[in-house]
Protein backbone atom coordinates (compact mmCIF):
# COMPACT_ATOMS: atom_id res chain seq x y z
CA MET A 1 -6.82 11.46 -9.87
CA PRO A 2 -6.27 9.17 -6.90
CA ARG A 3 -9.32 7.81 -4.99
CA ASN A 4 -9.71 7.83 -1.27
CA ILE A 5 -10.02 4.34 0.24
CA LYS A 6 -12.30 4.31 3.01
CA ASN A 7 -13.13 0.63 3.53
CA ALA A 8 -12.56 -2.99 2.60
CA HIS A 9 -14.70 -2.70 -0.50
CA ASP A 10 -12.77 0.24 -1.69
CA LEU A 11 -9.39 -1.68 -0.86
CA GLU A 12 -10.42 -4.60 -3.11
CA LYS A 13 -11.51 -2.35 -5.96
CA SER A 14 -8.23 -0.51 -5.91
CA GLY A 15 -6.16 -3.33 -6.60
CA ILE A 16 -3.43 -2.43 -4.43
CA LEU A 17 -0.64 -4.78 -3.64
CA LYS A 18 1.70 -5.37 -0.67
CA GLY A 19 4.76 -2.95 -1.35
CA ASP A 20 2.88 -0.28 -3.25
CA PRO A 21 3.80 3.42 -2.06
CA VAL A 22 1.07 5.08 -0.49
CA HIS A 23 -0.23 8.08 0.78
CA ILE A 24 -1.64 8.10 4.31
CA GLY A 25 -3.29 10.49 6.64
CA VAL A 26 -5.02 9.46 10.02
CA ALA A 27 -6.84 11.35 12.69
CA GLY A 28 -4.62 14.21 14.27
CA PRO A 29 -3.05 17.31 13.03
CA GLY A 30 0.03 17.06 10.93
CA GLN A 31 -0.35 13.01 10.63
CA ALA A 32 -0.08 12.68 6.86
CA THR A 33 2.70 11.42 4.62
CA ASN A 34 3.61 10.10 1.04
CA ASP A 35 6.34 7.82 2.60
CA ALA A 36 4.31 4.78 3.53
CA ILE A 37 4.24 1.48 1.99
CA PHE A 38 1.10 -0.87 1.94
CA ALA A 39 1.92 -3.88 4.07
CA GLY A 40 -1.24 -5.98 3.97
CA ARG A 41 -4.93 -6.24 5.50
CA LEU A 42 -5.53 -5.67 9.03
CA VAL A 43 -7.77 -8.94 9.88
CA GLU A 44 -9.88 -9.68 12.57
CA GLY A 45 -12.07 -12.80 12.54
CA ASN A 46 -13.53 -12.93 8.94
CA GLU A 47 -13.38 -8.97 8.73
CA VAL A 48 -10.71 -6.52 7.44
CA VAL A 49 -10.95 -3.86 10.07
CA GLY A 50 -7.93 -1.71 8.65
CA ILE A 51 -4.49 -1.85 6.84
CA LYS A 52 -1.08 -2.64 7.78
CA ILE A 53 1.43 -0.16 6.59
CA THR A 54 5.46 0.56 6.79
CA ILE A 55 6.48 4.12 7.34
CA ARG A 56 10.52 4.58 7.52
CA GLY A 57 10.85 0.58 8.54
CA ALA A 58 8.21 0.57 11.15
CA GLU A 59 5.19 -1.49 10.55
CA LYS A 60 1.84 0.25 12.09
CA ASP A 61 -1.55 -1.01 12.19
CA VAL A 62 -4.33 1.76 11.13
CA LEU A 63 -8.00 1.07 11.84
CA TRP A 64 -10.61 2.43 9.25
CA ALA A 65 -12.04 4.79 11.85
CA ASP A 66 -8.51 6.40 12.43
CA LEU A 67 -7.97 6.70 8.57
CA ILE A 68 -8.62 9.98 7.17
CA GLU A 69 -6.71 9.90 3.73
CA PHE A 70 -5.48 6.57 2.06
CA TRP A 71 -4.78 6.22 -1.79
CA GLN A 72 -1.91 4.49 -3.78
CA LEU A 73 0.66 6.83 -5.34
CA PRO A 74 2.03 6.14 -8.75
CA THR A 75 5.11 3.94 -8.58
CA THR A 76 6.72 5.82 -11.32
CA LEU A 77 6.85 8.88 -8.86
CA CYS A 78 7.67 7.47 -5.76
CA LEU A 79 10.34 4.61 -6.31
CA SER A 80 14.02 4.75 -7.61
CA GLU A 81 15.16 3.22 -10.81
CA PRO A 82 16.49 0.00 -9.05
CA GLN A 83 13.23 -0.14 -7.33
CA LYS A 84 11.30 -0.10 -10.19
CA VAL A 85 13.14 -2.51 -12.22
CA HIS A 86 13.01 -5.26 -9.31
CA ARG A 87 8.98 -4.66 -8.87
CA LEU A 88 8.77 -5.28 -12.80
CA ASP A 89 11.06 -8.16 -12.75
CA THR A 90 9.17 -9.93 -9.73
CA TYR A 91 5.83 -9.06 -11.53
CA ARG A 92 7.28 -10.74 -14.60
CA ASP A 93 8.37 -13.71 -12.47
CA ARG A 94 4.83 -14.15 -11.20
CA ILE A 95 3.31 -13.91 -14.66
CA TYR A 96 5.63 -16.05 -16.98
CA GLY A 97 7.63 -17.68 -14.17
CA PRO A 98 11.43 -17.37 -13.24
CA GLU A 99 13.83 -17.04 -16.18
CA GLU A 100 16.28 -20.03 -16.54
CA PRO A 101 19.91 -19.34 -15.74
């Protein structure tokens, strides 16, 4: 079951990484989607004040105060097979180093 991420503490505990598919809902009627990609933390000074997301190619900044629903979606349900393979290859390269040609 997904857990709603409401602040910087929850964000760090979630283990979410840049490029992970997420569900997001913001203040206002009908303002929710499962098509968002986590793009990073929104930082002012030394404080994480929100998140950066990408929805259909457009990057948006969302403050914690505007965020109603935010959780990571399982990549096995959201990504196409080539996307899954690419993410797995990238993860392996980070852990074990790039394969030699």
